[in-house]
Amino acid sequence: MSENILSVEDLKFLEILHSKFGLSYLRFDDIGLAFNNENEILKATINENFNNLGYLTEISKKLKFRLNSNFQLNFSKGFNFDVVRI
């Protein structure tokens, strides 16, 4: 039986970033956290009044711990995504 790594709140947060701000990938490796449109997402979400970088970091740490690996989360059409170990 598979186990959910991300909570419903985590998924809702990622869905907002994907649909509203164009997040298409989230990468967490030894260098740290990286994602597309970083400046636009940070600027726009500050105006929306929620701490996206802190929450993205927490989600990334959770995934890295559970996968026991660095990873990249790739979004596709709709709100589908694949997690790839790197």
PDB file of N, CA and C in Angstrom:
ATOM      1  N   MET A   1       0.848  -1.180   0.000  1.00  0.00           N
ATOM      2  CA  MET A   1       0.000   0.000   0.000  1.00  0.00           C
ATOM      3  C   MET A   1       0.890   1.238   0.000  1.00  0.00           C
ATOM      4  N   SER A   2       0.622   2.172  -0.907  1.00  0.00           N
ATOM      5  CA  SER A   2       1.435   3.382  -0.962  1.00  0.00           C
ATOM      6  C   SER A   2       0.993   4.356   0.123  1.00  0.00           C
ATOM      7  N   GLU A   3       1.905   5.212   0.475  1.00  0.00           N
ATOM      8  CA  GLU A   3       1.669   6.164   1.549  1.00  0.00           C
ATOM      9  C   GLU A   3       1.772   7.576   0.985  1.00  0.00           C
ATOM     10  N   ASN A   4       0.855   8.454   1.363  1.00  0.00           N
ATOM     11  CA  ASN A   4       0.914   9.836   0.913  1.00  0.00           C
ATOM     12  C   ASN A   4       2.030  10.555   1.646  1.00  0.00           C
ATOM     13  N   ILE A   5       2.893  11.196   0.894  1.00  0.00           N
ATOM     14  CA  ILE A   5       3.995  11.952   1.479  1.00  0.00           C
ATOM     15  C   ILE A   5       3.547  13.379   1.762  1.00  0.00           C
ATOM     16  N   LEU A   6       2.783  13.950   0.854  1.00  0.00           N
ATOM     17  CA  LEU A   6       2.333  15.331   0.993  1.00  0.00           C
ATOM     18  C   LEU A   6       0.924  15.397   1.560  1.00  0.00           C
ATOM     19  N   SER A   7       0.695  16.376   2.403  1.00  0.00           N
ATOM     20  CA  SER A   7      -0.634  16.572   2.974  1.00  0.00           C
ATOM     21  C   SER A   7      -1.530  17.287   1.962  1.00  0.00           C
ATOM     22  N   VAL A   8      -2.797  17.348   2.258  1.00  0.00           N
ATOM     23  CA  VAL A   8      -3.753  18.053   1.400  1.00  0.00           C
ATOM     24  C   VAL A   8      -3.369  19.536   1.311  1.00  0.00           C
ATOM     25  N   GLU A   9      -2.933  20.115   2.425  1.00  0.00           N
ATOM     26  CA  GLU A   9      -2.525  21.519   2.439  1.00  0.00           C
ATOM     27  C   GLU A   9      -1.302  21.739   1.553  1.00  0.00           C
ATOM     28  N   ASP A  10      -0.350  20.793   1.592  1.00  0.00           N
ATOM     29  CA  ASP A  10       0.834  20.875   0.727  1.00  0.00           C
ATOM     30  C   ASP A  10       0.417  20.878  -0.737  1.00  0.00           C
ATOM     31  N   LEU A  11      -0.474  19.972  -1.085  1.00  0.00           N
ATOM     32  CA  LEU A  11      -0.936  19.859  -2.471  1.00  0.00           C
ATOM     33  C   LEU A  11      -1.695  21.113  -2.916  1.00  0.00           C
ATOM     34  N   LYS A  12      -2.527  21.656  -2.039  1.00  0.00           N
ATOM     35  CA  LYS A  12      -3.265  22.878  -2.367  1.00  0.00           C
ATOM     36  C   LYS A  12      -2.297  24.039  -2.603  1.00  0.00           C
ATOM     37  N   PHE A  13      -1.275  24.132  -1.762  1.00  0.00           N
ATOM     38  CA  PHE A  13      -0.286  25.188  -1.902  1.00  0.00           C
ATOM     39  C   PHE A  13       0.447  25.067  -3.237  1.00  0.00           C
ATOM     40  N   LEU A  14       0.886  23.859  -3.569  1.00  0.00           N
ATOM     41  CA  LEU A  14       1.578  23.634  -4.837  1.00  0.00           C
ATOM     42  C   LEU A  14       0.661  23.911  -6.027  1.00  0.00           C
ATOM     43  N   GLU A  15      -0.609  23.553  -5.887  1.00  0.00           N
ATOM     44  CA  GLU A  15      -1.569  23.808  -6.968  1.00  0.00           C
ATOM     45  C   GLU A  15      -1.749  25.305  -7.214  1.00  0.00           C
ATOM     46  N   ILE A  16      -1.784  26.091  -6.154  1.00  0.00           N
ATOM     47  CA  ILE A  16      -1.885  27.545  -6.305  1.00  0.00           C
ATOM     48  C   ILE A  16      -0.658  28.085  -7.028  1.00  0.00           C
ATOM     49  N   LEU A  17       0.523  27.636  -6.606  1.00  0.00           N
ATOM     50  CA  LEU A  17       1.749  28.105  -7.252  1.00  0.00           C
ATOM     51  C   LEU A  17       1.798  27.686  -8.721  1.00  0.00           C
ATOM     52  N   HIS A  18       1.304  26.492  -9.003  1.00  0.00           N
ATOM     53  CA  HIS A  18       1.300  26.006 -10.386  1.00  0.00           C
ATOM     54  C   HIS A  18       0.285  26.757 -11.242  1.00  0.00           C
ATOM     55  N   SER A  19      -0.946  26.836 -10.781  1.00  0.00           N
ATOM     56  CA  SER A  19      -2.007  27.416 -11.606  1.00  0.00           C
ATOM     57  C   SER A  19      -1.957  28.936 -11.658  1.00  0.00           C
ATOM     58  N   LYS A  20      -1.621  29.572 -10.574  1.00  0.00           N
ATOM     59  CA  LYS A  20      -1.677  31.028 -10.515  1.00  0.00           C
ATOM     60  C   LYS A  20      -0.359  31.696 -10.905  1.00  0.00           C
ATOM     61  N   PHE A  21       0.771  31.037 -10.591  1.00  0.00           N
ATOM     62  CA  PHE A  21       2.070  31.668 -10.798  1.00  0.00           C
ATOM     63  C   PHE A  21       2.977  30.912 -11.768  1.00  0.00           C
ATOM     64  N   GLY A  22       2.494  29.828 -12.367  1.00  0.00           N
ATOM     65  CA  GLY A  22       3.239  29.142 -13.404  1.00  0.00           C
ATOM     66  C   GLY A  22       4.378  28.253 -12.936  1.00  0.00           C
ATOM     67  N   LEU A  23       4.325  27.772 -11.720  1.00  0.00           N
ATOM     68  CA  LEU A  23       5.363  26.846 -11.247  1.00  0.00           C
ATOM     69  C   LEU A  23       5.334  25.588 -12.112  1.00  0.00           C
ATOM     70  N   SER A  24       6.466  25.252 -12.746  1.00  0.00           N
ATOM     71  CA  SER A  24       6.493  24.056 -13.588  1.00  0.00           C
ATOM     72  C   SER A  24       7.459  22.998 -13.075  1.00  0.00           C
ATOM     73  N   TYR A  25       8.405  23.391 -12.219  1.00  0.00           N
ATOM     74  CA  TYR A  25       9.260  22.382 -11.579  1.00  0.00           C
ATOM     75  C   TYR A  25       9.761  22.900 -10.243  1.00  0.00           C
ATOM     76  N   LEU A  26      10.075  21.965  -9.386  1.00  0.00           N
ATOM     77  CA  LEU A  26      10.646  22.233  -8.071  1.00  0.00           C
ATOM     78  C   LEU A  26      11.768  21.230  -7.882  1.00  0.00           C
ATOM     79  N   ARG A  27      12.977  21.731  -7.688  1.00  0.00           N
ATOM     80  CA  ARG A  27      14.146  20.856  -7.568  1.00  0.00           C
ATOM     81  C   ARG A  27      14.802  21.085  -6.212  1.00  0.00           C
ATOM     82  N   PHE A  28      15.152  19.993  -5.544  1.00  0.00           N
ATOM     83  CA  PHE A  28      15.836  20.079  -4.263  1.00  0.00           C
ATOM     84  C   PHE A  28      17.023  19.135  -4.315  1.00  0.00           C
ATOM     85  N   ASP A  29      18.231  19.710  -4.236  1.00  0.00           N
ATOM     86  CA  ASP A  29      19.442  18.905  -4.281  1.00  0.00           C
ATOM     87  C   ASP A  29      20.448  19.457  -3.277  1.00  0.00           C
ATOM     88  N   ASP A  30      21.710  19.056  -3.423  1.00  0.00           N
ATOM     89  CA  ASP A  30      22.732  19.473  -2.467  1.00  0.00           C
ATOM     90  C   ASP A  30      22.979  20.980  -2.489  1.00  0.00           C
ATOM     91  N   ILE A  31      22.656  21.622  -3.589  1.00  0.00           N
ATOM     92  CA  ILE A  31      22.823  23.071  -3.705  1.00  0.00           C
ATOM     93  C   ILE A  31      21.688  23.798  -2.993  1.00  0.00           C
ATOM     94  N   GLY A  32      20.525  23.177  -2.945  1.00  0.00           N
ATOM     95  CA  GLY A  32      19.371  23.783  -2.288  1.00  0.00           C
ATOM     96  C   GLY A  32      18.126  23.689  -3.134  1.00  0.00           C
ATOM     97  N   LEU A  33      17.231  24.613  -2.910  1.00  0.00           N
ATOM     98  CA  LEU A  33      15.926  24.642  -3.554  1.00  0.00           C
ATOM     99  C   LEU A  33      15.978  25.509  -4.809  1.00  0.00           C
ATOM    100  N   ALA A  34      15.426  25.013  -5.912  1.00  0.00           N
ATOM    101  CA  ALA A  34      15.349  25.776  -7.158  1.00  0.00           C
ATOM    102  C   ALA A  34      13.997  25.516  -7.808  1.00  0.00           C
ATOM    103  N   PHE A  35      13.462  26.549  -8.454  1.00  0.00           N
ATOM    104  CA  PHE A  35      12.208  26.404  -9.181  1.00  0.00           C
ATOM    105  C   PHE A  35      12.144  27.480 -10.250  1.00  0.00           C
ATOM    106  N   ASN A  36      11.329  27.252 -11.279  1.00  0.00           N
ATOM    107  CA  ASN A  36      11.216  28.218 -12.372  1.00  0.00           C
ATOM    108  C   ASN A  36      10.472  29.467 -11.913  1.00  0.00           C
ATOM    109  N   ASN A  37      10.647  30.551 -12.669  1.00  0.00           N
ATOM    110  CA  ASN A  37       9.973  31.824 -12.368  1.00  0.00           C
ATOM    111  C   ASN A  37      10.170  32.280 -10.929  1.00  0.00           C
ATOM    112  N   GLU A  38      11.347  32.001 -10.377  1.00  0.00           N
ATOM    113  CA  GLU A  38      11.577  32.264  -8.950  1.00  0.00           C
ATOM    114  C   GLU A  38      11.275  33.712  -8.571  1.00  0.00           C
ATOM    115  N   ASN A  39      11.818  34.668  -9.309  1.00  0.00           N
ATOM    116  CA  ASN A  39      11.589  36.072  -8.966  1.00  0.00           C
ATOM    117  C   ASN A  39      10.128  36.458  -9.066  1.00  0.00           C
ATOM    118  N   GLU A  40       9.460  36.012 -10.112  1.00  0.00           N
ATOM    119  CA  GLU A  40       8.046  36.331 -10.293  1.00  0.00           C
ATOM    120  C   GLU A  40       7.194  35.705  -9.193  1.00  0.00           C
ATOM    121  N   ILE A  41       7.472  34.457  -8.869  1.00  0.00           N
ATOM    122  CA  ILE A  41       6.699  33.768  -7.840  1.00  0.00           C
ATOM    123  C   ILE A  41       6.911  34.431  -6.483  1.00  0.00           C
ATOM    124  N   LEU A  42       8.162  34.730  -6.150  1.00  0.00           N
ATOM    125  CA  LEU A  42       8.436  35.379  -4.862  1.00  0.00           C
ATOM    126  C   LEU A  42       7.763  36.749  -4.779  1.00  0.00           C
ATOM    127  N   LYS A  43       7.889  37.529  -5.830  1.00  0.00           N
ATOM    128  CA  LYS A  43       7.292  38.867  -5.858  1.00  0.00           C
ATOM    129  C   LYS A  43       5.769  38.795  -5.772  1.00  0.00           C
ATOM    130  N   ALA A  44       5.162  37.937  -6.570  1.00  0.00           N
ATOM    131  CA  ALA A  44       3.702  37.831  -6.601  1.00  0.00           C
ATOM    132  C   ALA A  44       3.139  37.291  -5.296  1.00  0.00           C
ATOM    133  N   THR A  45       3.808  36.318  -4.704  1.00  0.00           N
ATOM    134  CA  THR A  45       3.259  35.727  -3.487  1.00  0.00           C
ATOM    135  C   THR A  45       3.461  36.609  -2.268  1.00  0.00           C
ATOM    136  N   ILE A  46       4.453  37.502  -2.307  1.00  0.00           N
ATOM    137  CA  ILE A  46       4.580  38.481  -1.227  1.00  0.00           C
ATOM    138  C   ILE A  46       3.344  39.367  -1.216  1.00  0.00           C
ATOM    139  N   ASN A  47       2.893  39.746  -2.419  1.00  0.00           N
ATOM    140  CA  ASN A  47       1.673  40.546  -2.532  1.00  0.00           C
ATOM    141  C   ASN A  47       0.445  39.767  -2.084  1.00  0.00           C
ATOM    142  N   GLU A  48       0.484  38.438  -2.213  1.00  0.00           N
ATOM    143  CA  GLU A  48      -0.636  37.595  -1.790  1.00  0.00           C
ATOM    144  C   GLU A  48      -0.599  37.339  -0.282  1.00  0.00           C
ATOM    145  N   ASN A  49       0.513  37.725   0.362  1.00  0.00           N
ATOM    146  CA  ASN A  49       0.662  37.652   1.811  1.00  0.00           C
ATOM    147  C   ASN A  49       0.722  36.219   2.355  1.00  0.00           C
ATOM    148  N   PHE A  50       1.496  35.360   1.690  1.00  0.00           N
ATOM    149  CA  PHE A  50       1.818  34.074   2.299  1.00  0.00           C
ATOM    150  C   PHE A  50       3.270  33.749   2.024  1.00  0.00           C
ATOM    151  N   ASN A  51       3.892  33.042   2.957  1.00  0.00           N
ATOM    152  CA  ASN A  51       5.325  32.779   2.905  1.00  0.00           C
ATOM    153  C   ASN A  51       5.594  31.559   2.053  1.00  0.00           C
ATOM    154  N   ASN A  52       5.782  31.768   0.763  1.00  0.00           N
ATOM    155  CA  ASN A  52       5.951  30.634  -0.132  1.00  0.00           C
ATOM    156  C   ASN A  52       7.305  29.964   0.006  1.00  0.00           C
ATOM    157  N   LEU A  53       8.373  30.729   0.200  1.00  0.00           N
ATOM    158  CA  LEU A  53       9.696  30.130   0.245  1.00  0.00           C
ATOM    159  C   LEU A  53       9.843  29.224   1.465  1.00  0.00           C
ATOM    160  N   GLY A  54       9.364  29.657   2.599  1.00  0.00           N
ATOM    161  CA  GLY A  54       9.423  28.826   3.799  1.00  0.00           C
ATOM    162  C   GLY A  54       8.616  27.547   3.657  1.00  0.00           C
ATOM    163  N   TYR A  55       7.436  27.674   3.081  1.00  0.00           N
ATOM    164  CA  TYR A  55       6.580  26.502   2.913  1.00  0.00           C
ATOM    165  C   TYR A  55       7.134  25.564   1.847  1.00  0.00           C
ATOM    166  N   LEU A  56       7.660  26.133   0.755  1.00  0.00           N
ATOM    167  CA  LEU A  56       8.297  25.299  -0.279  1.00  0.00           C
ATOM    168  C   LEU A  56       9.488  24.545   0.297  1.00  0.00           C
ATOM    169  N   THR A  57      10.244  25.199   1.153  1.00  0.00           N
ATOM    170  CA  THR A  57      11.388  24.549   1.792  1.00  0.00           C
ATOM    171  C   THR A  57      10.928  23.386   2.659  1.00  0.00           C
ATOM    172  N   GLU A  58       9.869  23.583   3.425  1.00  0.00           N
ATOM    173  CA  GLU A  58       9.345  22.513   4.281  1.00  0.00           C
ATOM    174  C   GLU A  58       8.838  21.333   3.452  1.00  0.00           C
ATOM    175  N   ILE A  59       8.120  21.624   2.379  1.00  0.00           N
ATOM    176  CA  ILE A  59       7.632  20.561   1.496  1.00  0.00           C
ATOM    177  C   ILE A  59       8.816  19.803   0.896  1.00  0.00           C
ATOM    178  N   SER A  60       9.826  20.541   0.461  1.00  0.00           N
ATOM    179  CA  SER A  60      11.009  19.924  -0.143  1.00  0.00           C
ATOM    180  C   SER A  60      11.758  19.043   0.845  1.00  0.00           C
ATOM    181  N   LYS A  61      11.913  19.514   2.072  1.00  0.00           N
ATOM    182  CA  LYS A  61      12.587  18.714   3.100  1.00  0.00           C
ATOM    183  C   LYS A  61      11.809  17.430   3.385  1.00  0.00           C
ATOM    184  N   LYS A  62      10.497  17.547   3.420  1.00  0.00           N
ATOM    185  CA  LYS A  62       9.642  16.379   3.660  1.00  0.00           C
ATOM    186  C   LYS A  62       9.826  15.341   2.556  1.00  0.00           C
ATOM    187  N   LEU A  63       9.803  15.810   1.297  1.00  0.00           N
ATOM    188  CA  LEU A  63       9.982  14.897   0.164  1.00  0.00           C
ATOM    189  C   LEU A  63      11.378  14.275   0.164  1.00  0.00           C
ATOM    190  N   LYS A  64      12.400  15.087   0.416  1.00  0.00           N
ATOM    191  CA  LYS A  64      13.765  14.564   0.412  1.00  0.00           C
ATOM    192  C   LYS A  64      13.936  13.496   1.492  1.00  0.00           C
ATOM    193  N   PHE A  65      13.387  13.746   2.662  1.00  0.00           N
ATOM    194  CA  PHE A  65      13.485  12.786   3.754  1.00  0.00           C
ATOM    195  C   PHE A  65      12.769  11.482   3.411  1.00  0.00           C
ATOM    196  N   ARG A  66      11.541  11.601   2.888  1.00  0.00           N
ATOM    197  CA  ARG A  66      10.748  10.401   2.595  1.00  0.00           C
ATOM    198  C   ARG A  66      11.291   9.613   1.409  1.00  0.00           C
ATOM    199  N   LEU A  67      11.858  10.317   0.417  1.00  0.00           N
ATOM    200  CA  LEU A  67      12.414   9.648  -0.753  1.00  0.00           C
ATOM    201  C   LEU A  67      13.851   9.198  -0.521  1.00  0.00           C
ATOM    202  N   ASN A  68      14.470   9.734   0.534  1.00  0.00           N
ATOM    203  CA  ASN A  68      15.869   9.453   0.842  1.00  0.00           C
ATOM    204  C   ASN A  68      16.753   9.768  -0.372  1.00  0.00           C
ATOM    205  N   SER A  69      16.451  10.884  -1.026  1.00  0.00           N
ATOM    206  CA  SER A  69      17.163  11.247  -2.246  1.00  0.00           C
ATOM    207  C   SER A  69      16.866  12.701  -2.599  1.00  0.00           C
ATOM    208  N   ASN A  70      17.778  13.302  -3.352  1.00  0.00           N
ATOM    209  CA  ASN A  70      17.467  14.571  -3.989  1.00  0.00           C
ATOM    210  C   ASN A  70      16.399  14.293  -5.038  1.00  0.00           C
ATOM    211  N   PHE A  71      15.643  15.322  -5.425  1.00  0.00           N
ATOM    212  CA  PHE A  71      14.534  15.070  -6.341  1.00  0.00           C
ATOM    213  C   PHE A  71      14.215  16.295  -7.170  1.00  0.00           C
ATOM    214  N   GLN A  72      13.448  16.065  -8.221  1.00  0.00           N
ATOM    215  CA  GLN A  72      12.831  17.141  -8.989  1.00  0.00           C
ATOM    216  C   GLN A  72      11.373  16.779  -9.198  1.00  0.00           C
ATOM    217  N   LEU A  73      10.503  17.705  -8.879  1.00  0.00           N
ATOM    218  CA  LEU A  73       9.065  17.542  -9.049  1.00  0.00           C
ATOM    219  C   LEU A  73       8.686  18.321 -10.306  1.00  0.00           C
ATOM    220  N   ASN A  74       8.196  17.626 -11.327  1.00  0.00           N
ATOM    221  CA  ASN A  74       7.847  18.232 -12.610  1.00  0.00           C
ATOM    222  C   ASN A  74       6.333  18.244 -12.789  1.00  0.00           C
ATOM    223  N   PHE A  75       5.775  19.426 -13.043  1.00  0.00           N
ATOM    224  CA  PHE A  75       4.347  19.564 -13.271  1.00  0.00           C
ATOM    225  C   PHE A  75       4.049  19.426 -14.753  1.00  0.00           C
ATOM    226  N   SER A  76       2.897  18.868 -15.068  1.00  0.00           N
ATOM    227  CA  SER A  76       2.434  18.781 -16.446  1.00  0.00           C
ATOM    228  C   SER A  76       1.058  19.439 -16.530  1.00  0.00           C
ATOM    229  N   LYS A  77       0.338  19.221 -17.616  1.00  0.00           N
ATOM    230  CA  LYS A  77      -0.972  19.853 -17.791  1.00  0.00           C
ATOM    231  C   LYS A  77      -1.900  19.493 -16.644  1.00  0.00           C
ATOM    232  N   GLY A  78      -2.784  20.406 -16.340  1.00  0.00           N
ATOM    233  CA  GLY A  78      -3.651  20.218 -15.197  1.00  0.00           C
ATOM    234  C   GLY A  78      -2.803  20.351 -13.955  1.00  0.00           C
ATOM    235  N   PHE A  79      -3.082  19.546 -12.979  1.00  0.00           N
ATOM    236  CA  PHE A  79      -2.244  19.553 -11.773  1.00  0.00           C
ATOM    237  C   PHE A  79      -1.679  18.160 -11.581  1.00  0.00           C
ATOM    238  N   ASN A  80      -1.044  17.650 -12.604  1.00  0.00           N
ATOM    239  CA  ASN A  80      -0.366  16.365 -12.528  1.00  0.00           C
ATOM    240  C   ASN A  80       1.123  16.640 -12.385  1.00  0.00           C
ATOM    241  N   PHE A  81       1.792  15.802 -11.611  1.00  0.00           N
ATOM    242  CA  PHE A  81       3.227  15.979 -11.483  1.00  0.00           C
ATOM    243  C   PHE A  81       3.901  14.629 -11.288  1.00  0.00           C
ATOM    244  N   ASP A  82       5.173  14.611 -11.661  1.00  0.00           N
ATOM    245  CA  ASP A  82       6.014  13.428 -11.482  1.00  0.00           C
ATOM    246  C   ASP A  82       7.170  13.834 -10.577  1.00  0.00           C
ATOM    247  N   VAL A  83       7.557  12.911  -9.727  1.00  0.00           N
ATOM    248  CA  VAL A  83       8.721  13.112  -8.872  1.00  0.00           C
ATOM    249  C   VAL A  83       9.827  12.217  -9.385  1.00  0.00           C
ATOM    250  N   VAL A  84      10.980  12.828  -9.672  1.00  0.00           N
ATOM    251  CA  VAL A  84      12.113  12.114 -10.212  1.00  0.00           C
ATOM    252  C   VAL A  84      13.269  12.219  -9.221  1.00  0.00           C
ATOM    253  N   ARG A  85      13.824  11.087  -8.840  1.00  0.00           N
ATOM    254  CA  ARG A  85      15.011  11.116  -7.972  1.00  0.00           C
ATOM    255  C   ARG A  85      16.213  11.518  -8.797  1.00  0.00           C
ATOM    256  N   ILE A  86      17.075  12.360  -8.215  1.00  0.00           N
ATOM    257  CA  ILE A  86      18.293  12.777  -8.921  1.00  0.00           C
ATOM    258  C   ILE A  86      19.525  12.533  -8.076  1.00  0.00           C
TER     259      ILE A  86
END
